[in-house]
C-alpha atoms as a PDB file:
ATOM      1  CA  MET A   1     -26.468 -17.941 -22.904  1.00  0.00           C
ATOM      2  CA  HIS A   2     -26.440 -21.602 -23.900  1.00  0.00           C
ATOM      3  CA  ARG A   3     -25.811 -20.717 -27.565  1.00  0.00           C
ATOM      4  CA  THR A   4     -22.822 -18.562 -26.558  1.00  0.00           C
ATOM      5  CA  ASP A   5     -21.465 -21.346 -24.353  1.00  0.00           C
ATOM      6  CA  ARG A   6     -21.805 -23.798 -27.212  1.00  0.00           C
ATOM      7  CA  TRP A   7     -19.850 -21.651 -29.683  1.00  0.00           C
ATOM      8  CA  LEU A   8     -17.215 -20.694 -27.128  1.00  0.00           C
ATOM      9  CA  GLY A   9     -16.913 -24.329 -26.116  1.00  0.00           C
ATOM     10  CA  LEU A  10     -16.346 -25.436 -29.692  1.00  0.00           C
ATOM     11  CA  ALA A  11     -13.786 -22.696 -30.307  1.00  0.00           C
ATOM     12  CA  LEU A  12     -12.014 -23.496 -27.041  1.00  0.00           C
ATOM     13  CA  ALA A  13     -11.939 -27.211 -27.885  1.00  0.00           C
ATOM     14  CA  LEU A  14     -10.356 -26.464 -31.257  1.00  0.00           C
ATOM     15  CA  LEU A  15      -7.815 -24.130 -29.672  1.00  0.00           C
ATOM     16  CA  GLY A  16      -6.963 -26.682 -26.959  1.00  0.00           C
ATOM     17  CA  ALA A  17      -6.557 -29.496 -29.504  1.00  0.00           C
ATOM     18  CA  LEU A  18      -4.327 -27.249 -31.646  1.00  0.00           C
ATOM     19  CA  VAL A  19      -2.173 -26.283 -28.640  1.00  0.00           C
ATOM     20  CA  PHE A  20      -1.840 -29.915 -27.571  1.00  0.00           C
ATOM     21  CA  TRP A  21      -1.054 -31.129 -31.096  1.00  0.00           C
ATOM     22  CA  THR A  22       1.517 -28.380 -31.654  1.00  0.00           C
ATOM     23  CA  SER A  23       3.190 -29.040 -28.272  1.00  0.00           C
ATOM     24  CA  ARG A  24       3.950 -32.593 -29.324  1.00  0.00           C
ATOM     25  CA  SER A  25       6.423 -31.296 -31.908  1.00  0.00           C
ATOM     26  CA  PHE A  26       8.443 -29.215 -29.435  1.00  0.00           C
ATOM     27  CA  PRO A  27      12.022 -30.430 -28.965  1.00  0.00           C
ATOM     28  CA  SER A  28      13.162 -32.329 -25.909  1.00  0.00           C
ATOM     29  CA  VAL A  29      15.487 -30.564 -23.472  1.00  0.00           C
ATOM     30  CA  PRO A  30      18.803 -32.332 -22.892  1.00  0.00           C
ATOM     31  CA  GLY A  31      19.265 -33.443 -19.321  1.00  0.00           C
ATOM     32  CA  GLN A  32      15.613 -33.013 -18.301  1.00  0.00           C
ATOM     33  CA  LYS A  33      12.804 -35.514 -18.132  1.00  0.00           C
ATOM     34  CA  LEU A  34      10.209 -32.997 -19.265  1.00  0.00           C
ATOM     35  CA  GLY A  35      10.572 -31.383 -22.685  1.00  0.00           C
ATOM     36  CA  ALA A  36       9.613 -27.971 -23.910  1.00  0.00           C
ATOM     37  CA  GLY A  37       6.142 -29.190 -24.888  1.00  0.00           C
ATOM     38  CA  PHE A  38       5.163 -30.479 -21.441  1.00  0.00           C
ATOM     39  CA  LEU A  39       3.554 -27.331 -20.067  1.00  0.00           C
ATOM     40  CA  PRO A  40       1.856 -26.316 -23.328  1.00  0.00           C
ATOM     41  CA  GLY A  41       0.490 -29.855 -23.580  1.00  0.00           C
ATOM     42  CA  ILE A  42      -1.043 -29.573 -20.110  1.00  0.00           C
ATOM     43  CA  VAL A  43      -2.512 -26.187 -21.101  1.00  0.00           C
ATOM     44  CA  GLY A  44      -4.008 -27.742 -24.237  1.00  0.00           C
ATOM     45  CA  ILE A  45      -5.593 -30.544 -22.232  1.00  0.00           C
ATOM     46  CA  GLY A  46      -6.950 -27.988 -19.728  1.00  0.00           C
ATOM     47  CA  LEU A  47      -8.486 -25.957 -22.547  1.00  0.00           C
ATOM     48  CA  VAL A  48     -10.216 -29.055 -23.943  1.00  0.00           C
ATOM     49  CA  LEU A  49     -11.551 -29.933 -20.462  1.00  0.00           C
ATOM     50  CA  ALA A  50     -12.868 -26.396 -20.023  1.00  0.00           C
ATOM     51  CA  ALA A  51     -14.485 -26.633 -23.454  1.00  0.00           C
ATOM     52  CA  LEU A  52     -16.210 -29.862 -22.484  1.00  0.00           C
ATOM     53  CA  ALA A  53     -17.550 -28.208 -19.353  1.00  0.00           C
ATOM     54  CA  LEU A  54     -18.932 -25.306 -21.401  1.00  0.00           C
ATOM     55  CA  LEU A  55     -20.522 -27.698 -23.884  1.00  0.00           C
ATOM     56  CA  ALA A  56     -22.106 -29.699 -21.084  1.00  0.00           C
ATOM     57  CA  ARG A  57     -23.430 -26.502 -19.503  1.00  0.00           C
ATOM     58  CA  SER A  58     -24.871 -25.403 -22.821  1.00  0.00           C
ATOM     59  CA  ARG A  59     -26.858 -28.651 -23.120  1.00  0.00           C
ATOM     60  CA  HIS A  60     -28.407 -28.323 -19.669  1.00  0.00           C
ATOM     61  CA  ALA A  61     -28.847 -24.565 -19.352  1.00  0.00           C
ATOM     62  CA  PRO A  62     -32.344 -23.144 -19.736  1.00  0.00           C
ATOM     63  CA  ALA A  63     -32.838 -20.819 -22.680  1.00  0.00           C
ATOM     64  CA  GLU A  64     -32.533 -17.185 -21.754  1.00  0.00           C
ATOM     65  CA  ALA A  65     -33.971 -14.108 -23.322  1.00  0.00           C
ATOM     66  CA  ALA A  66     -31.590 -11.587 -24.874  1.00  0.00           C
ATOM     67  CA  PRO A  67     -28.206 -11.464 -23.103  1.00  0.00           C
ATOM     68  CA  ARG A  68     -27.273  -8.176 -21.504  1.00  0.00           C
ATOM     69  CA  ALA A  69     -24.480  -6.436 -23.372  1.00  0.00           C
ATOM     70  CA  ARG A  70     -22.800  -4.930 -20.298  1.00  0.00           C
ATOM     71  CA  GLU A  71     -22.882  -8.132 -18.287  1.00  0.00           C
ATOM     72  CA  GLY A  72     -19.343  -9.069 -17.288  1.00  0.00           C
ATOM     73  CA  PHE A  73     -17.716  -5.910 -18.646  1.00  0.00           C
ATOM     74  CA  GLY A  74     -16.035  -5.157 -15.313  1.00  0.00           C
ATOM     75  CA  ALA A  75     -14.585  -8.650 -15.028  1.00  0.00           C
ATOM     76  CA  ALA A  76     -13.290  -8.517 -18.627  1.00  0.00           C
ATOM     77  CA  ALA A  77     -11.702  -5.132 -17.940  1.00  0.00           C
ATOM     78  CA  ALA A  78     -10.082  -6.581 -14.799  1.00  0.00           C
ATOM     79  CA  VAL A  79      -8.534  -9.424 -16.856  1.00  0.00           C
ATOM     80  CA  VAL A  80      -7.119  -7.015 -19.439  1.00  0.00           C
ATOM     81  CA  GLY A  81      -5.920  -4.658 -16.685  1.00  0.00           C
ATOM     82  CA  SER A  82      -4.186  -7.389 -14.722  1.00  0.00           C
ATOM     83  CA  VAL A  83      -2.374  -8.666 -17.803  1.00  0.00           C
ATOM     84  CA  LEU A  84      -1.226  -5.133 -18.647  1.00  0.00           C
ATOM     85  CA  PHE A  85      -0.171  -4.599 -14.998  1.00  0.00           C
ATOM     86  CA  TYR A  86       1.910  -7.789 -15.152  1.00  0.00           C
ATOM     87  CA  ILE A  87       3.576  -6.747 -18.406  1.00  0.00           C
ATOM     88  CA  VAL A  88       4.465  -3.298 -17.089  1.00  0.00           C
ATOM     89  CA  ALA A  89       5.432  -4.152 -13.495  1.00  0.00           C
ATOM     90  CA  ALA A  90       6.735  -7.727 -13.378  1.00  0.00           C
ATOM     91  CA  ASP A  91      10.357  -6.987 -14.211  1.00  0.00           C
ATOM     92  CA  ARG A  92      10.529  -4.030 -11.874  1.00  0.00           C
ATOM     93  CA  LEU A  93       8.592  -5.408  -8.877  1.00  0.00           C
ATOM     94  CA  GLY A  94       8.882  -9.170  -9.409  1.00  0.00           C
ATOM     95  CA  PHE A  95       6.495 -12.055  -9.833  1.00  0.00           C
ATOM     96  CA  LEU A  96       6.066 -12.592  -6.091  1.00  0.00           C
ATOM     97  CA  ILE A  97       4.549  -9.096  -5.755  1.00  0.00           C
ATOM     98  CA  VAL A  98       2.754  -8.595  -9.063  1.00  0.00           C
ATOM     99  CA  ALA A  99       1.065 -12.005  -9.288  1.00  0.00           C
ATOM    100  CA  PRO A 100      -0.826 -11.923  -5.963  1.00  0.00           C
ATOM    101  CA  VAL A 101      -1.897  -8.307  -6.512  1.00  0.00           C
ATOM    102  CA  GLY A 102      -3.242  -9.164  -9.964  1.00  0.00           C
ATOM    103  CA  LEU A 103      -4.893 -12.346  -8.751  1.00  0.00           C
ATOM    104  CA  VAL A 104      -6.621 -10.605  -5.844  1.00  0.00           C
ATOM    105  CA  ALA A 105      -7.960  -7.990  -8.263  1.00  0.00           C
ATOM    106  CA  LEU A 106      -9.214 -10.729 -10.577  1.00  0.00           C
ATOM    107  CA  PHE A 107     -10.798 -12.789  -7.815  1.00  0.00           C
ATOM    108  CA  ARG A 108     -12.557  -9.709  -6.428  1.00  0.00           C
ATOM    109  CA  ALA A 109     -13.768  -8.733  -9.929  1.00  0.00           C
ATOM    110  CA  PHE A 110     -15.285 -12.193 -10.278  1.00  0.00           C
ATOM    111  CA  GLY A 111     -17.070 -11.930  -6.944  1.00  0.00           C
ATOM    112  CA  VAL A 112     -14.803 -13.928  -4.617  1.00  0.00           C
ATOM    113  CA  GLY A 113     -14.721 -12.680  -1.029  1.00  0.00           C
ATOM    114  CA  TRP A 114     -11.639 -11.039   0.445  1.00  0.00           C
ATOM    115  CA  ARG A 115     -10.526 -14.039   2.480  1.00  0.00           C
ATOM    116  CA  GLY A 116     -10.817 -16.482  -0.385  1.00  0.00           C
ATOM    117  CA  ALA A 117      -9.207 -14.051  -2.833  1.00  0.00           C
ATOM    118  CA  LEU A 118      -6.204 -13.529  -0.583  1.00  0.00           C
ATOM    119  CA  LEU A 119      -5.769 -17.231   0.193  1.00  0.00           C
ATOM    120  CA  TRP A 120      -6.083 -18.364  -3.419  1.00  0.00           C
ATOM    121  CA  ALA A 121      -3.874 -15.557  -4.712  1.00  0.00           C
ATOM    122  CA  LEU A 122      -1.059 -16.257  -2.254  1.00  0.00           C
ATOM    123  CA  GLY A 123      -1.318 -20.022  -2.601  1.00  0.00           C
ATOM    124  CA  GLY A 124      -1.524 -19.884  -6.382  1.00  0.00           C
ATOM    125  CA  THR A 125       1.473 -17.544  -6.594  1.00  0.00           C
ATOM    126  CA  ILE A 126       3.599 -19.864  -4.474  1.00  0.00           C
ATOM    127  CA  VAL A 127       2.588 -22.984  -6.420  1.00  0.00           C
ATOM    128  CA  VAL A 128       3.267 -21.344  -9.796  1.00  0.00           C
ATOM    129  CA  HIS A 129       6.576 -19.923  -8.622  1.00  0.00           C
ATOM    130  CA  VAL A 130       7.801 -23.241  -7.253  1.00  0.00           C
ATOM    131  CA  ALA A 131       6.589 -25.109 -10.347  1.00  0.00           C
ATOM    132  CA  PHE A 132       8.445 -22.766 -12.681  1.00  0.00           C
ATOM    133  CA  TYR A 133      11.574 -22.220 -10.595  1.00  0.00           C
ATOM    134  CA  LYS A 134      12.144 -25.713  -9.193  1.00  0.00           C
ATOM    135  CA  LEU A 135      10.365 -28.156 -11.512  1.00  0.00           C
ATOM    136  CA  LEU A 136      10.641 -26.468 -14.915  1.00  0.00           C
ATOM    137  CA  ARG A 137      13.804 -24.502 -14.096  1.00  0.00           C
ATOM    138  CA  VAL A 138      12.355 -21.372 -15.657  1.00  0.00           C
ATOM    139  CA  PRO A 139      13.061 -18.355 -13.452  1.00  0.00           C
ATOM    140  CA  LEU A 140      10.321 -15.810 -13.070  1.00  0.00           C
ATOM    141  CA  PRO A 141      11.257 -12.163 -12.511  1.00  0.00           C
ATOM    142  CA  TRP A 142      12.564 -11.563  -8.974  1.00  0.00           C
ATOM    143  CA  GLY A 143      12.211  -7.769  -9.105  1.00  0.00           C
ATOM    144  CA  VAL A 144      12.902  -6.158  -5.742  1.00  0.00           C
ATOM    145  CA  PHE A 145      13.643  -9.540  -4.126  1.00  0.00           C
ATOM    146  CA  ARG A 146      16.868 -11.458  -4.514  1.00  0.00           C
ATOM    147  CA  PRO A 147      16.663 -15.242  -4.999  1.00  0.00           C
ATOM    148  CA  PHE A 148      16.267 -16.679  -1.510  1.00  0.00           C
ATOM    149  CA  TYR A 149      16.491 -20.366  -2.267  1.00  0.00           C
END
């Protein structure tokens, strides 16, 4: 697994650096302190940090025999399924319903217990919604709800 982590880490570092570099050229938004490249820049930095963690893990991980081909297939299917669910249902149901449902499914697929999955899904949904709606002034789909603040 350490060889896979090394290659994924390098690819992720390149992607993160590209995202960060590209975000620097995004235009500023009149009347706002944060420009259009602020959030993509943070994402690029996060990708580079994740890449560094993978590279560090690849240096210290013991060598394994042949990796199992089906390992992680369910979790990967859950990621694809939750993205498709969001695309299909977000406008109709709204972010405040679709996001926690998708996050709970993802957390459970990755082995998080019910209590942790529910807490993280609800907390993460609220943080993301407030960050987009209040800080970035980018409305997420309300769906069945009407704006309540």
